[in-house]
Amino acid sequence: MSDAHPHALRSILLLLGALFLFVLLDATAKALAARYPVPMLVWARYAVHFLLMVTFLAPSMRMRLVATTRPGRQVVRALCLLAVTFLNIAALRLMPLAETTAIVFAAPLMVTLMAGPLLGERIGGLRWMAVLVGFVGVLLIARPGGGLISEGVALALGAAACYATYQILTRQLTPTENPVAMLFYTALVGTVGMTAMLPWIWGGPMPDARDALLIASLGVYGGAGHFLLIRAFRDAPASLLSPILYVQLAWAALVGWLAFGHFPDGWALAGILTIGAAGAMIAMESRRTVRPPAIAPFGERNG
């Protein structure tokens, strides 16, 4: 790696580890959602993540963990992520892993459309082309007669829209806020919100020891993935790492095949590759901009 980024290789490896944890999170949530209510899984994902941050970071960071100059926007951003997590797991309950992941990966395309009016960014011709290409990919996946449940497609698109809003808020907060504190607020707000609803969302069979561990692992995958992602982007520029995020699409297809016996058909696979190519185009084009887009981890969208 170049002298300008001496830790680039380590950052790439950390990012690849984070993406694999995010795929494991999605796959585990999909398997559990067949037996347990989605809101209960969302609560567990945030509660375990919150406990991990309090246990390992609170003793050293103390009040820095909650220090913020924009608490209202932090809460709104965290609520957006909570909605993403809920909608994503609900979509995974109805649809294959790879197709769901690919549709949610349309979020950067939506960010491009929102960045003009909300952030005052100029959208060049290449980005407009990437957006058009990306949405063609979504249509290839969600095409009529493709076998996907329309409700699942709507949930995945809703998750993508909420995640795009979350990314816009992330861009607005990043210049002034500590990234670890931002991560803590997502865990805190998600935990408090879902715990308040717990009497109404708890249901299904009582988990046995194996399922209890799997449910707890949702928070472990999310928390560990976030940690690796933060470390990766701390030591290398987003312009270098952003295209690598789309490796998650390939791993989602592989894990979906190994764990659930499903592999995308030709049209869906073409759509997944198209979305990945469009997202990579936007990420590569951001190298030429003064303010490259802040990358919020897709693990955070899963939680």
C-alpha atoms as a PDB file:
ATOM      1  CA  MET A   1       0.000   0.000   0.000  1.00  0.00           C
ATOM      2  CA  SER A   2       1.106   3.606  -0.582  1.00  0.00           C
ATOM      3  CA  ASP A   3       2.979   5.663   1.967  1.00  0.00           C
ATOM      4  CA  ALA A   4      -0.018   8.025   2.085  1.00  0.00           C
ATOM      5  CA  HIS A   5      -2.139   5.272   3.638  1.00  0.00           C
ATOM      6  CA  PRO A   6       0.273   2.895   5.422  1.00  0.00           C
ATOM      7  CA  HIS A   7      -2.554   1.050   7.202  1.00  0.00           C
ATOM      8  CA  ALA A   8      -4.717   0.584   4.116  1.00  0.00           C
ATOM      9  CA  LEU A   9      -4.284  -3.197   3.939  1.00  0.00           C
ATOM     10  CA  ARG A  10      -5.230  -3.594   7.595  1.00  0.00           C
ATOM     11  CA  SER A  11      -8.259  -1.364   7.061  1.00  0.00           C
ATOM     12  CA  ILE A  12      -9.387  -3.430   4.083  1.00  0.00           C
ATOM     13  CA  LEU A  13      -9.109  -6.641   6.118  1.00  0.00           C
ATOM     14  CA  LEU A  14     -11.034  -5.063   9.012  1.00  0.00           C
ATOM     15  CA  LEU A  15     -13.739  -3.939   6.614  1.00  0.00           C
ATOM     16  CA  LEU A  16     -14.018  -7.394   5.047  1.00  0.00           C
ATOM     17  CA  GLY A  17     -14.378  -8.868   8.544  1.00  0.00           C
ATOM     18  CA  ALA A  18     -17.114  -6.362   9.372  1.00  0.00           C
ATOM     19  CA  LEU A  19     -19.033  -7.143   6.188  1.00  0.00           C
ATOM     20  CA  PHE A  20     -18.892 -10.868   6.887  1.00  0.00           C
ATOM     21  CA  LEU A  21     -20.285 -10.276  10.385  1.00  0.00           C
ATOM     22  CA  PHE A  22     -23.116  -8.232   8.883  1.00  0.00           C
ATOM     23  CA  VAL A  23     -24.004 -11.085   6.531  1.00  0.00           C
ATOM     24  CA  LEU A  24     -23.980 -13.511   9.469  1.00  0.00           C
ATOM     25  CA  LEU A  25     -26.287 -11.108  11.309  1.00  0.00           C
ATOM     26  CA  ASP A  26     -28.742 -11.059   8.411  1.00  0.00           C
ATOM     27  CA  ALA A  27     -28.628 -14.823   7.935  1.00  0.00           C
ATOM     28  CA  THR A  28     -29.152 -15.505  11.650  1.00  0.00           C
ATOM     29  CA  ALA A  29     -32.021 -13.008  11.815  1.00  0.00           C
ATOM     30  CA  LYS A  30     -33.637 -14.627   8.776  1.00  0.00           C
ATOM     31  CA  ALA A  31     -33.475 -18.091  10.357  1.00  0.00           C
ATOM     32  CA  LEU A  32     -34.819 -16.857  13.705  1.00  0.00           C
ATOM     33  CA  ALA A  33     -37.610 -14.796  12.132  1.00  0.00           C
ATOM     34  CA  ALA A  34     -39.248 -18.015  10.987  1.00  0.00           C
ATOM     35  CA  ARG A  35     -39.900 -18.883  14.667  1.00  0.00           C
ATOM     36  CA  TYR A  36     -39.886 -15.634  16.643  1.00  0.00           C
ATOM     37  CA  PRO A  37     -41.540 -12.220  16.246  1.00  0.00           C
ATOM     38  CA  VAL A  38     -39.433  -9.695  14.358  1.00  0.00           C
ATOM     39  CA  PRO A  39     -39.766  -6.940  17.033  1.00  0.00           C
ATOM     40  CA  MET A  40     -38.385  -9.320  19.679  1.00  0.00           C
ATOM     41  CA  LEU A  41     -35.330 -10.004  17.529  1.00  0.00           C
ATOM     42  CA  VAL A  42     -34.833  -6.271  16.952  1.00  0.00           C
ATOM     43  CA  TRP A  43     -34.948  -5.672  20.710  1.00  0.00           C
ATOM     44  CA  ALA A  44     -32.367  -8.397  21.349  1.00  0.00           C
ATOM     45  CA  ARG A  45     -30.076  -7.065  18.657  1.00  0.00           C
ATOM     46  CA  TYR A  46     -30.009  -3.587  20.208  1.00  0.00           C
ATOM     47  CA  ALA A  47     -30.014  -4.674  23.853  1.00  0.00           C
ATOM     48  CA  VAL A  48     -26.959  -6.929  23.476  1.00  0.00           C
ATOM     49  CA  HIS A  49     -25.157  -4.283  21.418  1.00  0.00           C
ATOM     50  CA  PHE A  50     -25.906  -1.675  24.103  1.00  0.00           C
ATOM     51  CA  LEU A  51     -24.646  -3.938  26.885  1.00  0.00           C
ATOM     52  CA  LEU A  52     -21.430  -4.627  24.967  1.00  0.00           C
ATOM     53  CA  MET A  53     -20.734  -0.922  24.532  1.00  0.00           C
ATOM     54  CA  VAL A  54     -21.470  -0.159  28.189  1.00  0.00           C
ATOM     55  CA  THR A  55     -19.272  -3.034  29.343  1.00  0.00           C
ATOM     56  CA  PHE A  56     -16.242  -2.418  27.137  1.00  0.00           C
ATOM     57  CA  LEU A  57     -16.307   1.310  26.364  1.00  0.00           C
ATOM     58  CA  ALA A  58     -18.072   3.105  29.204  1.00  0.00           C
ATOM     59  CA  PRO A  59     -15.286   2.504  31.787  1.00  0.00           C
ATOM     60  CA  SER A  60     -12.691   4.230  29.590  1.00  0.00           C
ATOM     61  CA  MET A  61     -14.775   6.823  27.743  1.00  0.00           C
ATOM     62  CA  ARG A  62     -17.216   7.726  30.528  1.00  0.00           C
ATOM     63  CA  MET A  63     -19.151  10.892  29.634  1.00  0.00           C
ATOM     64  CA  ARG A  64     -17.440  11.119  26.246  1.00  0.00           C
ATOM     65  CA  LEU A  65     -19.603   8.202  25.214  1.00  0.00           C
ATOM     66  CA  VAL A  66     -22.735  10.384  25.378  1.00  0.00           C
ATOM     67  CA  ALA A  67     -21.187  13.791  24.633  1.00  0.00           C
ATOM     68  CA  THR A  68     -22.962  15.497  21.735  1.00  0.00           C
ATOM     69  CA  THR A  69     -23.765  18.999  20.582  1.00  0.00           C
ATOM     70  CA  ARG A  70     -26.834  17.880  18.610  1.00  0.00           C
ATOM     71  CA  PRO A  71     -28.823  15.424  20.743  1.00  0.00           C
ATOM     72  CA  GLY A  72     -32.068  15.852  18.819  1.00  0.00           C
ATOM     73  CA  ARG A  73     -30.504  14.917  15.512  1.00  0.00           C
ATOM     74  CA  GLN A  74     -28.705  12.010  17.159  1.00  0.00           C
ATOM     75  CA  VAL A  75     -32.054  10.628  18.328  1.00  0.00           C
ATOM     76  CA  VAL A  76     -33.706  11.078  14.925  1.00  0.00           C
ATOM     77  CA  ARG A  77     -30.758   9.371  13.239  1.00  0.00           C
ATOM     78  CA  ALA A  78     -30.961   6.476  15.707  1.00  0.00           C
ATOM     79  CA  LEU A  79     -34.712   6.122  15.107  1.00  0.00           C
ATOM     80  CA  CYS A  80     -34.059   5.931  11.364  1.00  0.00           C
ATOM     81  CA  LEU A  81     -31.622   3.098  11.963  1.00  0.00           C
ATOM     82  CA  LEU A  82     -34.119   1.352  14.231  1.00  0.00           C
ATOM     83  CA  ALA A  83     -36.654   1.493  11.386  1.00  0.00           C
ATOM     84  CA  VAL A  84     -34.044   0.099   8.982  1.00  0.00           C
ATOM     85  CA  THR A  85     -33.341  -2.826  11.298  1.00  0.00           C
ATOM     86  CA  PHE A  86     -37.013  -3.659  11.731  1.00  0.00           C
ATOM     87  CA  LEU A  87     -37.863  -3.382   8.031  1.00  0.00           C
ATOM     88  CA  ASN A  88     -34.783  -5.336   6.966  1.00  0.00           C
ATOM     89  CA  ILE A  89     -35.456  -8.290   9.258  1.00  0.00           C
ATOM     90  CA  ALA A  90     -39.141  -8.243   8.286  1.00  0.00           C
ATOM     91  CA  ALA A  91     -38.092  -8.370   4.619  1.00  0.00           C
ATOM     92  CA  LEU A  92     -35.630 -11.198   5.297  1.00  0.00           C
ATOM     93  CA  ARG A  93     -38.461 -13.200   6.846  1.00  0.00           C
ATOM     94  CA  LEU A  94     -40.232 -13.120   3.457  1.00  0.00           C
ATOM     95  CA  MET A  95     -37.432 -13.037   0.890  1.00  0.00           C
ATOM     96  CA  PRO A  96     -34.054 -14.635   0.123  1.00  0.00           C
ATOM     97  CA  LEU A  97     -30.950 -13.193   1.720  1.00  0.00           C
ATOM     98  CA  ALA A  98     -29.161 -12.062  -1.444  1.00  0.00           C
ATOM     99  CA  GLU A  99     -32.150 -10.308  -3.036  1.00  0.00           C
ATOM    100  CA  THR A 100     -33.066  -8.522   0.192  1.00  0.00           C
ATOM    101  CA  THR A 101     -29.493  -7.360   0.725  1.00  0.00           C
ATOM    102  CA  ALA A 102     -29.250  -6.079  -2.838  1.00  0.00           C
ATOM    103  CA  ILE A 103     -32.457  -4.038  -2.633  1.00  0.00           C
ATOM    104  CA  VAL A 104     -31.357  -2.447   0.648  1.00  0.00           C
ATOM    105  CA  PHE A 105     -28.058  -1.636  -1.062  1.00  0.00           C
ATOM    106  CA  ALA A 106     -30.051   0.747  -3.249  1.00  0.00           C
ATOM    107  CA  ALA A 107     -29.752   3.209  -0.330  1.00  0.00           C
ATOM    108  CA  PRO A 108     -26.629   4.952  -1.743  1.00  0.00           C
ATOM    109  CA  LEU A 109     -28.590   5.608  -4.934  1.00  0.00           C
ATOM    110  CA  MET A 110     -31.302   7.299  -2.872  1.00  0.00           C
ATOM    111  CA  VAL A 111     -28.645   9.268  -0.989  1.00  0.00           C
ATOM    112  CA  THR A 112     -27.432  10.620  -4.321  1.00  0.00           C
ATOM    113  CA  LEU A 113     -30.935  11.867  -5.128  1.00  0.00           C
ATOM    114  CA  MET A 114     -31.364  13.395  -1.659  1.00  0.00           C
ATOM    115  CA  ALA A 115     -27.905  14.986  -1.438  1.00  0.00           C
ATOM    116  CA  GLY A 116     -28.778  17.793  -3.854  1.00  0.00           C
ATOM    117  CA  PRO A 117     -31.780  19.348  -2.080  1.00  0.00           C
ATOM    118  CA  LEU A 118     -30.722  18.426   1.487  1.00  0.00           C
ATOM    119  CA  LEU A 119     -26.953  18.905   1.407  1.00  0.00           C
ATOM    120  CA  GLY A 120     -26.548  21.306  -1.480  1.00  0.00           C
ATOM    121  CA  GLU A 121     -24.298  18.911  -3.378  1.00  0.00           C
ATOM    122  CA  ARG A 122     -23.994  19.080  -7.135  1.00  0.00           C
ATOM    123  CA  ILE A 123     -24.881  15.775  -8.768  1.00  0.00           C
ATOM    124  CA  GLY A 124     -22.854  15.159 -11.896  1.00  0.00           C
ATOM    125  CA  GLY A 125     -23.821  13.203 -14.973  1.00  0.00           C
ATOM    126  CA  LEU A 126     -21.943  10.070 -13.901  1.00  0.00           C
ATOM    127  CA  ARG A 127     -23.875   9.859 -10.636  1.00  0.00           C
ATOM    128  CA  TRP A 128     -27.200  10.344 -12.411  1.00  0.00           C
ATOM    129  CA  MET A 129     -26.248   7.511 -14.755  1.00  0.00           C
ATOM    130  CA  ALA A 130     -25.301   5.330 -11.782  1.00  0.00           C
ATOM    131  CA  VAL A 131     -28.653   6.016 -10.114  1.00  0.00           C
ATOM    132  CA  LEU A 132     -30.523   5.053 -13.298  1.00  0.00           C
ATOM    133  CA  VAL A 133     -28.457   1.880 -13.699  1.00  0.00           C
ATOM    134  CA  GLY A 134     -28.958   0.962 -10.043  1.00  0.00           C
ATOM    135  CA  PHE A 135     -32.721   1.261 -10.166  1.00  0.00           C
ATOM    136  CA  VAL A 136     -32.762  -0.885 -13.298  1.00  0.00           C
ATOM    137  CA  GLY A 137     -31.030  -3.479 -11.120  1.00  0.00           C
ATOM    138  CA  VAL A 138     -33.787  -3.173  -8.512  1.00  0.00           C
ATOM    139  CA  LEU A 139     -36.396  -3.744 -11.218  1.00  0.00           C
ATOM    140  CA  LEU A 140     -34.562  -6.845 -12.432  1.00  0.00           C
ATOM    141  CA  ILE A 141     -34.710  -8.300  -8.912  1.00  0.00           C
ATOM    142  CA  ALA A 142     -38.295  -7.251  -8.148  1.00  0.00           C
ATOM    143  CA  ARG A 143     -39.677  -7.936 -11.624  1.00  0.00           C
ATOM    144  CA  PRO A 144     -43.231  -9.331 -11.910  1.00  0.00           C
ATOM    145  CA  GLY A 145     -43.157 -13.097 -12.111  1.00  0.00           C
ATOM    146  CA  GLY A 146     -39.775 -13.243 -10.427  1.00  0.00           C
ATOM    147  CA  GLY A 147     -41.148 -15.127  -7.444  1.00  0.00           C
ATOM    148  CA  LEU A 148     -40.503 -12.480  -4.784  1.00  0.00           C
ATOM    149  CA  ILE A 149     -43.292 -11.498  -2.406  1.00  0.00           C
ATOM    150  CA  SER A 150     -44.391  -7.919  -3.110  1.00  0.00           C
ATOM    151  CA  GLU A 151     -44.700  -7.167   0.614  1.00  0.00           C
ATOM    152  CA  GLY A 152     -41.091  -8.227   1.115  1.00  0.00           C
ATOM    153  CA  VAL A 153     -39.931  -6.002  -1.735  1.00  0.00           C
ATOM    154  CA  ALA A 154     -41.833  -3.062  -0.228  1.00  0.00           C
ATOM    155  CA  LEU A 155     -40.251  -3.697   3.188  1.00  0.00           C
ATOM    156  CA  ALA A 156     -36.751  -3.854   1.679  1.00  0.00           C
ATOM    157  CA  LEU A 157     -37.329  -0.630  -0.270  1.00  0.00           C
ATOM    158  CA  GLY A 158     -38.604   0.993   2.927  1.00  0.00           C
ATOM    159  CA  ALA A 159     -35.420  -0.125   4.685  1.00  0.00           C
ATOM    160  CA  ALA A 160     -33.349   1.386   1.866  1.00  0.00           C
ATOM    161  CA  ALA A 161     -35.231   4.703   2.100  1.00  0.00           C
ATOM    162  CA  CYS A 162     -34.789   4.876   5.882  1.00  0.00           C
ATOM    163  CA  TYR A 163     -31.126   3.993   5.545  1.00  0.00           C
ATOM    164  CA  ALA A 164     -30.656   6.747   2.955  1.00  0.00           C
ATOM    165  CA  THR A 165     -32.140   9.246   5.422  1.00  0.00           C
ATOM    166  CA  TYR A 166     -29.847   7.823   8.108  1.00  0.00           C
ATOM    167  CA  GLN A 167     -26.828   8.369   5.847  1.00  0.00           C
ATOM    168  CA  ILE A 168     -27.829  11.966   5.157  1.00  0.00           C
ATOM    169  CA  LEU A 169     -28.055  12.603   8.902  1.00  0.00           C
ATOM    170  CA  THR A 170     -24.704  10.864   9.354  1.00  0.00           C
ATOM    171  CA  ARG A 171     -23.110  13.263   6.882  1.00  0.00           C
ATOM    172  CA  GLN A 172     -24.562  16.219   8.766  1.00  0.00           C
ATOM    173  CA  LEU A 173     -23.324  14.976  12.150  1.00  0.00           C
ATOM    174  CA  THR A 174     -19.901  13.604  11.213  1.00  0.00           C
ATOM    175  CA  PRO A 175     -18.018  16.964  11.163  1.00  0.00           C
ATOM    176  CA  THR A 176     -18.811  17.696  14.823  1.00  0.00           C
ATOM    177  CA  GLU A 177     -19.615  14.383  16.519  1.00  0.00           C
ATOM    178  CA  ASN A 178     -17.489  11.527  17.865  1.00  0.00           C
ATOM    179  CA  PRO A 179     -18.208   8.428  15.725  1.00  0.00           C
ATOM    180  CA  VAL A 180     -18.183   6.145  18.777  1.00  0.00           C
ATOM    181  CA  ALA A 181     -20.720   8.391  20.504  1.00  0.00           C
ATOM    182  CA  MET A 182     -22.862   8.296  17.355  1.00  0.00           C
ATOM    183  CA  LEU A 183     -22.723   4.511  17.458  1.00  0.00           C
ATOM    184  CA  PHE A 184     -23.632   4.515  21.147  1.00  0.00           C
ATOM    185  CA  TYR A 185     -26.696   6.674  20.539  1.00  0.00           C
ATOM    186  CA  THR A 186     -27.981   4.203  17.949  1.00  0.00           C
ATOM    187  CA  ALA A 187     -27.642   1.381  20.495  1.00  0.00           C
ATOM    188  CA  LEU A 188     -29.115   3.464  23.332  1.00  0.00           C
ATOM    189  CA  VAL A 189     -32.152   4.756  21.457  1.00  0.00           C
ATOM    190  CA  GLY A 190     -32.860   1.359  19.906  1.00  0.00           C
ATOM    191  CA  THR A 191     -32.643  -0.372  23.272  1.00  0.00           C
ATOM    192  CA  VAL A 192     -34.779   2.154  25.145  1.00  0.00           C
ATOM    193  CA  GLY A 193     -37.401   2.300  22.409  1.00  0.00           C
ATOM    194  CA  MET A 194     -37.753  -1.448  21.981  1.00  0.00           C
ATOM    195  CA  THR A 195     -37.597  -2.151  25.740  1.00  0.00           C
ATOM    196  CA  ALA A 196     -40.522   0.215  26.300  1.00  0.00           C
ATOM    197  CA  MET A 197     -42.507  -1.881  23.814  1.00  0.00           C
ATOM    198  CA  LEU A 198     -41.352  -5.234  25.191  1.00  0.00           C
ATOM    199  CA  PRO A 199     -44.637  -6.198  26.922  1.00  0.00           C
ATOM    200  CA  TRP A 200     -46.399  -5.946  23.559  1.00  0.00           C
ATOM    201  CA  ILE A 201     -43.740  -7.462  21.298  1.00  0.00           C
ATOM    202  CA  TRP A 202     -42.566 -10.468  23.309  1.00  0.00           C
ATOM    203  CA  GLY A 203     -44.041 -13.643  21.933  1.00  0.00           C
ATOM    204  CA  GLY A 204     -43.476 -16.917  20.196  1.00  0.00           C
ATOM    205  CA  PRO A 205     -42.076 -20.025  21.845  1.00  0.00           C
ATOM    206  CA  MET A 206     -39.693 -19.712  24.752  1.00  0.00           C
ATOM    207  CA  PRO A 207     -36.189 -19.925  23.234  1.00  0.00           C
ATOM    208  CA  ASP A 208     -34.167 -22.982  24.156  1.00  0.00           C
ATOM    209  CA  ALA A 209     -30.459 -22.618  24.958  1.00  0.00           C
ATOM    210  CA  ARG A 210     -29.409 -22.835  21.317  1.00  0.00           C
ATOM    211  CA  ASP A 211     -31.905 -20.253  20.100  1.00  0.00           C
ATOM    212  CA  ALA A 212     -31.135 -17.974  23.043  1.00  0.00           C
ATOM    213  CA  LEU A 213     -27.488 -17.945  21.982  1.00  0.00           C
ATOM    214  CA  LEU A 214     -28.455 -17.274  18.384  1.00  0.00           C
ATOM    215  CA  ILE A 215     -30.689 -14.391  19.439  1.00  0.00           C
ATOM    216  CA  ALA A 216     -27.901 -12.931  21.581  1.00  0.00           C
ATOM    217  CA  SER A 217     -25.476 -13.331  18.681  1.00  0.00           C
ATOM    218  CA  LEU A 218     -27.440 -10.717  16.713  1.00  0.00           C
ATOM    219  CA  GLY A 219     -26.097  -8.026  19.022  1.00  0.00           C
ATOM    220  CA  VAL A 220     -22.620  -9.546  19.043  1.00  0.00           C
ATOM    221  CA  TYR A 221     -22.446  -9.572  15.236  1.00  0.00           C
ATOM    222  CA  GLY A 222     -23.760  -6.017  15.031  1.00  0.00           C
ATOM    223  CA  GLY A 223     -21.559  -4.627  17.804  1.00  0.00           C
ATOM    224  CA  ALA A 224     -18.379  -6.354  16.632  1.00  0.00           C
ATOM    225  CA  GLY A 225     -19.101  -5.412  13.026  1.00  0.00           C
ATOM    226  CA  HIS A 226     -19.527  -1.763  13.982  1.00  0.00           C
ATOM    227  CA  PHE A 227     -16.267  -1.795  15.911  1.00  0.00           C
ATOM    228  CA  LEU A 228     -14.328  -3.268  12.995  1.00  0.00           C
ATOM    229  CA  LEU A 229     -15.947  -0.822  10.581  1.00  0.00           C
ATOM    230  CA  ILE A 230     -15.068   2.210  12.699  1.00  0.00           C
ATOM    231  CA  ARG A 231     -11.464   1.016  12.988  1.00  0.00           C
ATOM    232  CA  ALA A 232     -11.297   0.418   9.234  1.00  0.00           C
ATOM    233  CA  PHE A 233     -12.512   3.892   8.269  1.00  0.00           C
ATOM    234  CA  ARG A 234     -10.367   5.535  10.949  1.00  0.00           C
ATOM    235  CA  ASP A 235      -7.098   4.520   9.249  1.00  0.00           C
ATOM    236  CA  ALA A 236      -8.026   4.691   5.561  1.00  0.00           C
ATOM    237  CA  PRO A 237     -10.073   7.116   3.437  1.00  0.00           C
ATOM    238  CA  ALA A 238     -13.675   6.395   2.524  1.00  0.00           C
ATOM    239  CA  SER A 239     -12.781   6.804  -1.164  1.00  0.00           C
ATOM    240  CA  LEU A 240     -10.519   3.742  -0.878  1.00  0.00           C
ATOM    241  CA  LEU A 241     -12.848   1.569   1.196  1.00  0.00           C
ATOM    242  CA  SER A 242     -16.302   2.461  -0.164  1.00  0.00           C
ATOM    243  CA  PRO A 243     -16.219   0.190  -3.242  1.00  0.00           C
ATOM    244  CA  ILE A 244     -15.286  -2.766  -1.015  1.00  0.00           C
ATOM    245  CA  LEU A 245     -18.636  -2.487   0.779  1.00  0.00           C
ATOM    246  CA  TYR A 246     -20.216  -4.227  -2.200  1.00  0.00           C
ATOM    247  CA  VAL A 247     -18.375  -7.443  -1.369  1.00  0.00           C
ATOM    248  CA  GLN A 248     -21.273  -7.930   1.035  1.00  0.00           C
ATOM    249  CA  LEU A 249     -23.543  -8.658  -1.946  1.00  0.00           C
ATOM    250  CA  ALA A 250     -21.349 -11.572  -3.011  1.00  0.00           C
ATOM    251  CA  TRP A 251     -21.162 -12.955   0.505  1.00  0.00           C
ATOM    252  CA  ALA A 252     -24.922 -12.624   0.948  1.00  0.00           C
ATOM    253  CA  ALA A 253     -25.432 -14.725  -2.179  1.00  0.00           C
ATOM    254  CA  LEU A 254     -22.918 -17.325  -0.982  1.00  0.00           C
ATOM    255  CA  VAL A 255     -24.294 -17.570   2.570  1.00  0.00           C
ATOM    256  CA  GLY A 256     -27.867 -17.619   1.266  1.00  0.00           C
ATOM    257  CA  TRP A 257     -26.964 -20.594  -0.910  1.00  0.00           C
ATOM    258  CA  LEU A 258     -25.050 -22.469   1.819  1.00  0.00           C
ATOM    259  CA  ALA A 259     -27.483 -21.781   4.683  1.00  0.00           C
ATOM    260  CA  PHE A 260     -30.849 -21.709   2.929  1.00  0.00           C
ATOM    261  CA  GLY A 261     -30.256 -23.530  -0.349  1.00  0.00           C
ATOM    262  CA  HIS A 262     -31.212 -20.494  -2.422  1.00  0.00           C
ATOM    263  CA  PHE A 263     -29.135 -18.932  -5.173  1.00  0.00           C
ATOM    264  CA  PRO A 264     -30.455 -16.027  -7.280  1.00  0.00           C
ATOM    265  CA  ASP A 265     -31.724 -16.896 -10.744  1.00  0.00           C
ATOM    266  CA  GLY A 266     -30.176 -15.300 -13.809  1.00  0.00           C
ATOM    267  CA  TRP A 267     -32.296 -12.147 -13.835  1.00  0.00           C
ATOM    268  CA  ALA A 268     -31.941 -11.574 -10.088  1.00  0.00           C
ATOM    269  CA  LEU A 269     -28.197 -12.181 -10.263  1.00  0.00           C
ATOM    270  CA  ALA A 270     -27.973  -9.638 -13.077  1.00  0.00           C
ATOM    271  CA  GLY A 271     -29.889  -7.171 -10.924  1.00  0.00           C
ATOM    272  CA  ILE A 272     -27.602  -7.748  -7.932  1.00  0.00           C
ATOM    273  CA  LEU A 273     -24.506  -7.199 -10.082  1.00  0.00           C
ATOM    274  CA  THR A 274     -26.086  -4.100 -11.613  1.00  0.00           C
ATOM    275  CA  ILE A 275     -26.802  -2.550  -8.200  1.00  0.00           C
ATOM    276  CA  GLY A 276     -23.282  -3.380  -7.073  1.00  0.00           C
ATOM    277  CA  ALA A 277     -21.794  -1.796 -10.192  1.00  0.00           C
ATOM    278  CA  ALA A 278     -23.923   1.341  -9.782  1.00  0.00           C
ATOM    279  CA  GLY A 279     -22.940   1.717  -6.146  1.00  0.00           C
ATOM    280  CA  ALA A 280     -19.285   1.215  -6.979  1.00  0.00           C
ATOM    281  CA  MET A 281     -19.568   3.890  -9.685  1.00  0.00           C
ATOM    282  CA  ILE A 282     -20.861   6.375  -7.108  1.00  0.00           C
ATOM    283  CA  ALA A 283     -18.169   5.390  -4.617  1.00  0.00           C
ATOM    284  CA  MET A 284     -15.389   5.734  -7.186  1.00  0.00           C
ATOM    285  CA  GLU A 285     -16.729   9.051  -8.465  1.00  0.00           C
ATOM    286  CA  SER A 286     -16.721  10.389  -4.897  1.00  0.00           C
ATOM    287  CA  ARG A 287     -12.902  10.306  -5.000  1.00  0.00           C
ATOM    288  CA  ARG A 288     -13.076  13.432  -7.161  1.00  0.00           C
ATOM    289  CA  THR A 289     -15.362  15.394  -4.825  1.00  0.00           C
ATOM    290  CA  VAL A 290     -14.264  17.656  -2.025  1.00  0.00           C
ATOM    291  CA  ARG A 291     -16.588  16.004   0.482  1.00  0.00           C
ATOM    292  CA  PRO A 292     -16.845  12.258  -0.117  1.00  0.00           C
ATOM    293  CA  PRO A 293     -19.975  10.671   1.297  1.00  0.00           C
ATOM    294  CA  ALA A 294     -19.785   9.514   4.875  1.00  0.00           C
ATOM    295  CA  ILE A 295     -20.125   5.770   4.893  1.00  0.00           C
ATOM    296  CA  ALA A 296     -22.428   4.427   7.529  1.00  0.00           C
ATOM    297  CA  PRO A 297     -22.013   0.710   7.999  1.00  0.00           C
ATOM    298  CA  PHE A 298     -24.582  -1.636   6.515  1.00  0.00           C
ATOM    299  CA  GLY A 299     -24.176  -3.598   9.728  1.00  0.00           C
ATOM    300  CA  GLU A 300     -25.730  -0.557  11.391  1.00  0.00           C
ATOM    301  CA  ARG A 301     -28.668  -0.867   9.033  1.00  0.00           C
ATOM    302  CA  ASN A 302     -29.100  -4.432  10.217  1.00  0.00           C
ATOM    303  CA  GLY A 303     -28.326  -3.095  13.121  1.00  0.00           C
END
